[in-house]
Amino acid sequence: MTTPTVAPAPATVYAAARSRAHGPTTALWHAVEVHRPTPEVDGACELTLCGSLARIMTDVEWPTVARDVCPACVTLAR
């Protein structure tokens, strides 16, 4: 009898997304959990980890080195 093996859970993949400035707020970089192939999400607006809507930018890596990054997304993406 063989022991069943359990496959490791796939790593969570995040994409960088840019929000729009709205009222007194500034545009920020956010993290979006990605479950679809890159061509399907490039430029799409998605719900970020912190609950904002932002446009995914597949040419920017997450975590981004920019200064204007959402602190909630940084914490939630760890």
N, C-alpha and C. Protein backbone atom coordinates (compact mmCIF):
# COMPACT_ATOMS: atom_id res chain seq x y z
N MET A 1 0.84 -1.17 0.00
CA MET A 1 0.00 0.00 0.00
C MET A 1 0.89 1.24 0.00
N THR A 2 0.56 2.18 -0.86
CA THR A 2 1.34 3.41 -0.92
C THR A 2 0.65 4.52 -0.15
N THR A 3 1.44 5.40 0.38
CA THR A 3 0.92 6.55 1.11
C THR A 3 0.56 7.63 0.11
N PRO A 4 -0.66 8.16 0.20
CA PRO A 4 -1.03 9.22 -0.73
C PRO A 4 -0.18 10.47 -0.47
N THR A 5 0.18 11.13 -1.54
CA THR A 5 0.95 12.37 -1.40
C THR A 5 0.05 13.56 -1.66
N VAL A 6 0.34 14.61 -0.98
CA VAL A 6 -0.43 15.84 -1.14
C VAL A 6 0.47 16.84 -1.85
N ALA A 7 -0.02 17.36 -2.95
CA ALA A 7 0.75 18.35 -3.69
C ALA A 7 0.80 19.65 -2.91
N PRO A 8 1.94 20.32 -2.94
CA PRO A 8 2.02 21.61 -2.23
C PRO A 8 1.09 22.63 -2.89
N ALA A 9 0.58 23.51 -2.08
CA ALA A 9 -0.30 24.57 -2.60
C ALA A 9 0.50 25.48 -3.50
N PRO A 10 -0.09 25.88 -4.62
CA PRO A 10 0.64 26.79 -5.51
C PRO A 10 0.88 28.12 -4.81
N ALA A 11 1.98 28.77 -5.16
CA ALA A 11 2.30 30.07 -4.57
C ALA A 11 1.28 31.11 -5.04
N THR A 12 0.93 32.01 -4.15
CA THR A 12 0.01 33.09 -4.51
C THR A 12 0.75 34.08 -5.39
N VAL A 13 0.13 34.45 -6.49
CA VAL A 13 0.74 35.39 -7.43
C VAL A 13 0.00 36.72 -7.34
N TYR A 14 0.78 37.78 -7.21
CA TYR A 14 0.21 39.12 -7.15
C TYR A 14 0.67 39.94 -8.35
N ALA A 15 -0.20 40.81 -8.80
CA ALA A 15 0.14 41.76 -9.86
C ALA A 15 0.05 43.16 -9.28
N ALA A 16 0.82 44.07 -9.85
CA ALA A 16 0.75 45.47 -9.43
C ALA A 16 -0.38 46.15 -10.20
N ALA A 17 -1.10 47.01 -9.49
CA ALA A 17 -2.22 47.72 -10.10
C ALA A 17 -2.19 49.17 -9.65
N ARG A 18 -2.52 50.07 -10.54
CA ARG A 18 -2.49 51.50 -10.24
C ARG A 18 -3.91 52.02 -10.09
N SER A 19 -4.17 52.67 -8.96
CA SER A 19 -5.49 53.27 -8.74
C SER A 19 -5.50 54.67 -9.33
N ARG A 20 -6.68 55.24 -9.45
CA ARG A 20 -6.81 56.61 -9.93
C ARG A 20 -6.91 57.55 -8.74
N ALA A 21 -6.42 58.74 -8.92
CA ALA A 21 -6.59 59.76 -7.89
C ALA A 21 -8.07 60.12 -7.85
N HIS A 22 -8.62 60.22 -6.64
CA HIS A 22 -10.04 60.52 -6.49
C HIS A 22 -10.23 61.50 -5.34
N GLY A 23 -10.72 62.68 -5.65
CA GLY A 23 -10.91 63.69 -4.60
C GLY A 23 -9.57 64.08 -4.00
N PRO A 24 -9.48 64.06 -2.67
CA PRO A 24 -8.22 64.48 -2.02
C PRO A 24 -7.17 63.36 -1.97
N THR A 25 -7.50 62.17 -2.48
CA THR A 25 -6.53 61.07 -2.43
C THR A 25 -5.62 61.09 -3.65
N THR A 26 -4.49 60.45 -3.53
CA THR A 26 -3.56 60.34 -4.64
C THR A 26 -3.63 58.93 -5.22
N ALA A 27 -3.14 58.79 -6.43
CA ALA A 27 -3.08 57.47 -7.05
C ALA A 27 -2.01 56.65 -6.32
N LEU A 28 -2.31 55.39 -6.06
CA LEU A 28 -1.37 54.50 -5.37
C LEU A 28 -1.20 53.20 -6.15
N TRP A 29 -0.09 52.51 -5.87
CA TRP A 29 0.11 51.16 -6.38
C TRP A 29 -0.49 50.19 -5.39
N HIS A 30 -1.23 49.21 -5.89
CA HIS A 30 -1.90 48.21 -5.07
C HIS A 30 -1.51 46.81 -5.54
N ALA A 31 -1.84 45.81 -4.74
CA ALA A 31 -1.62 44.41 -5.10
C ALA A 31 -2.95 43.76 -5.43
N VAL A 32 -2.95 42.94 -6.49
CA VAL A 32 -4.12 42.18 -6.90
C VAL A 32 -3.72 40.72 -6.96
N GLU A 33 -4.51 39.85 -6.34
CA GLU A 33 -4.25 38.42 -6.43
C GLU A 33 -4.74 37.95 -7.80
N VAL A 34 -3.86 37.29 -8.55
CA VAL A 34 -4.15 36.92 -9.92
C VAL A 34 -4.45 35.43 -10.04
N HIS A 35 -5.58 35.12 -10.68
CA HIS A 35 -5.99 33.73 -10.88
C HIS A 35 -6.16 33.40 -12.36
N ARG A 36 -5.86 34.36 -13.23
CA ARG A 36 -6.04 34.17 -14.67
C ARG A 36 -4.72 34.42 -15.39
N PRO A 37 -4.60 33.94 -16.62
CA PRO A 37 -3.38 34.21 -17.40
C PRO A 37 -3.18 35.70 -17.64
N THR A 38 -1.94 36.12 -17.74
CA THR A 38 -1.60 37.52 -17.90
C THR A 38 -2.33 38.22 -19.05
N PRO A 39 -2.43 37.61 -20.24
CA PRO A 39 -3.14 38.32 -21.32
C PRO A 39 -4.60 38.66 -20.99
N GLU A 40 -5.21 37.90 -20.11
CA GLU A 40 -6.60 38.16 -19.75
C GLU A 40 -6.77 39.31 -18.77
N VAL A 41 -5.72 39.65 -18.03
CA VAL A 41 -5.86 40.69 -17.01
C VAL A 41 -5.15 41.99 -17.35
N ASP A 42 -4.33 42.01 -18.38
CA ASP A 42 -3.56 43.20 -18.72
C ASP A 42 -4.48 44.38 -18.98
N GLY A 43 -4.38 45.40 -18.15
CA GLY A 43 -5.17 46.61 -18.30
C GLY A 43 -6.57 46.54 -17.72
N ALA A 44 -6.95 45.41 -17.16
CA ALA A 44 -8.29 45.28 -16.59
C ALA A 44 -8.33 45.91 -15.20
N CYS A 45 -9.50 46.41 -14.82
CA CYS A 45 -9.70 46.90 -13.46
C CYS A 45 -10.10 45.72 -12.59
N GLU A 46 -9.43 45.59 -11.47
CA GLU A 46 -9.67 44.47 -10.56
C GLU A 46 -9.77 44.99 -9.13
N LEU A 47 -10.35 44.18 -8.28
CA LEU A 47 -10.43 44.48 -6.86
C LEU A 47 -9.09 44.16 -6.22
N THR A 48 -8.51 45.11 -5.52
CA THR A 48 -7.20 44.93 -4.89
C THR A 48 -7.35 44.25 -3.54
N LEU A 49 -6.22 43.91 -2.93
CA LEU A 49 -6.25 43.26 -1.62
C LEU A 49 -6.90 44.14 -0.56
N CYS A 50 -6.75 45.46 -0.68
CA CYS A 50 -7.32 46.37 0.32
C CYS A 50 -8.76 46.75 0.02
N GLY A 51 -9.28 46.31 -1.14
CA GLY A 51 -10.67 46.59 -1.47
C GLY A 51 -10.89 47.73 -2.45
N SER A 52 -9.82 48.32 -2.97
CA SER A 52 -9.94 49.37 -3.97
C SER A 52 -10.07 48.75 -5.36
N LEU A 53 -10.50 49.56 -6.30
CA LEU A 53 -10.47 49.14 -7.71
C LEU A 53 -9.27 49.79 -8.35
N ALA A 54 -8.49 49.00 -9.08
CA ALA A 54 -7.30 49.53 -9.73
C ALA A 54 -7.04 48.78 -11.02
N ARG A 55 -6.35 49.44 -11.94
CA ARG A 55 -6.04 48.85 -13.24
C ARG A 55 -4.71 48.10 -13.16
N ILE A 56 -4.73 46.82 -13.54
CA ILE A 56 -3.53 45.98 -13.48
C ILE A 56 -2.54 46.41 -14.55
N MET A 57 -1.29 46.49 -14.14
CA MET A 57 -0.18 46.81 -15.04
C MET A 57 0.78 45.63 -15.02
N THR A 58 0.71 44.80 -16.05
CA THR A 58 1.53 43.58 -16.05
C THR A 58 3.01 43.86 -16.30
N ASP A 59 3.35 45.06 -16.72
CA ASP A 59 4.76 45.40 -16.93
C ASP A 59 5.44 45.88 -15.66
N VAL A 60 4.71 45.95 -14.54
CA VAL A 60 5.27 46.36 -13.25
C VAL A 60 5.19 45.17 -12.30
N GLU A 61 6.32 44.84 -11.68
CA GLU A 61 6.38 43.71 -10.74
C GLU A 61 5.82 44.10 -9.38
N TRP A 62 5.20 43.14 -8.70
CA TRP A 62 4.80 43.32 -7.31
C TRP A 62 5.68 42.44 -6.47
N PRO A 63 6.27 42.92 -5.40
CA PRO A 63 6.14 44.26 -4.83
C PRO A 63 6.92 45.26 -5.67
N THR A 64 6.33 46.41 -5.85
CA THR A 64 6.94 47.45 -6.66
C THR A 64 7.91 48.26 -5.81
N VAL A 65 8.87 48.87 -6.44
CA VAL A 65 9.86 49.68 -5.72
C VAL A 65 9.44 51.14 -5.62
N ALA A 66 8.24 51.46 -6.11
CA ALA A 66 7.74 52.83 -6.05
C ALA A 66 7.50 53.26 -4.60
N ARG A 67 7.45 54.55 -4.39
CA ARG A 67 7.21 55.08 -3.05
C ARG A 67 5.72 55.20 -2.73
N ASP A 68 4.91 55.38 -3.76
CA ASP A 68 3.48 55.61 -3.55
C ASP A 68 2.70 54.29 -3.59
N VAL A 69 2.97 53.43 -2.61
CA VAL A 69 2.37 52.10 -2.53
C VAL A 69 1.38 52.06 -1.37
N CYS A 70 0.27 51.40 -1.58
CA CYS A 70 -0.76 51.25 -0.54
C CYS A 70 -0.20 50.44 0.63
N PRO A 71 -0.17 51.01 1.84
CA PRO A 71 0.37 50.28 2.97
C PRO A 71 -0.45 49.04 3.34
N ALA A 72 -1.77 49.10 3.13
CA ALA A 72 -2.61 47.94 3.44
C ALA A 72 -2.28 46.77 2.51
N CYS A 73 -2.09 47.06 1.23
CA CYS A 73 -1.75 45.99 0.27
C CYS A 73 -0.38 45.37 0.58
N VAL A 74 0.57 46.19 1.00
CA VAL A 74 1.90 45.68 1.37
C VAL A 74 1.75 44.68 2.51
N THR A 75 0.97 45.03 3.51
CA THR A 75 0.77 44.16 4.66
C THR A 75 0.02 42.90 4.28
N LEU A 76 -1.03 43.02 3.50
CA LEU A 76 -1.87 41.87 3.13
C LEU A 76 -1.17 40.92 2.15
N ALA A 77 -0.22 41.41 1.38
CA ALA A 77 0.47 40.58 0.39
C ALA A 77 1.62 39.77 0.98
N ARG A 78 1.89 39.94 2.25
CA ARG A 78 2.99 39.20 2.88
C ARG A 78 2.62 37.78 3.16
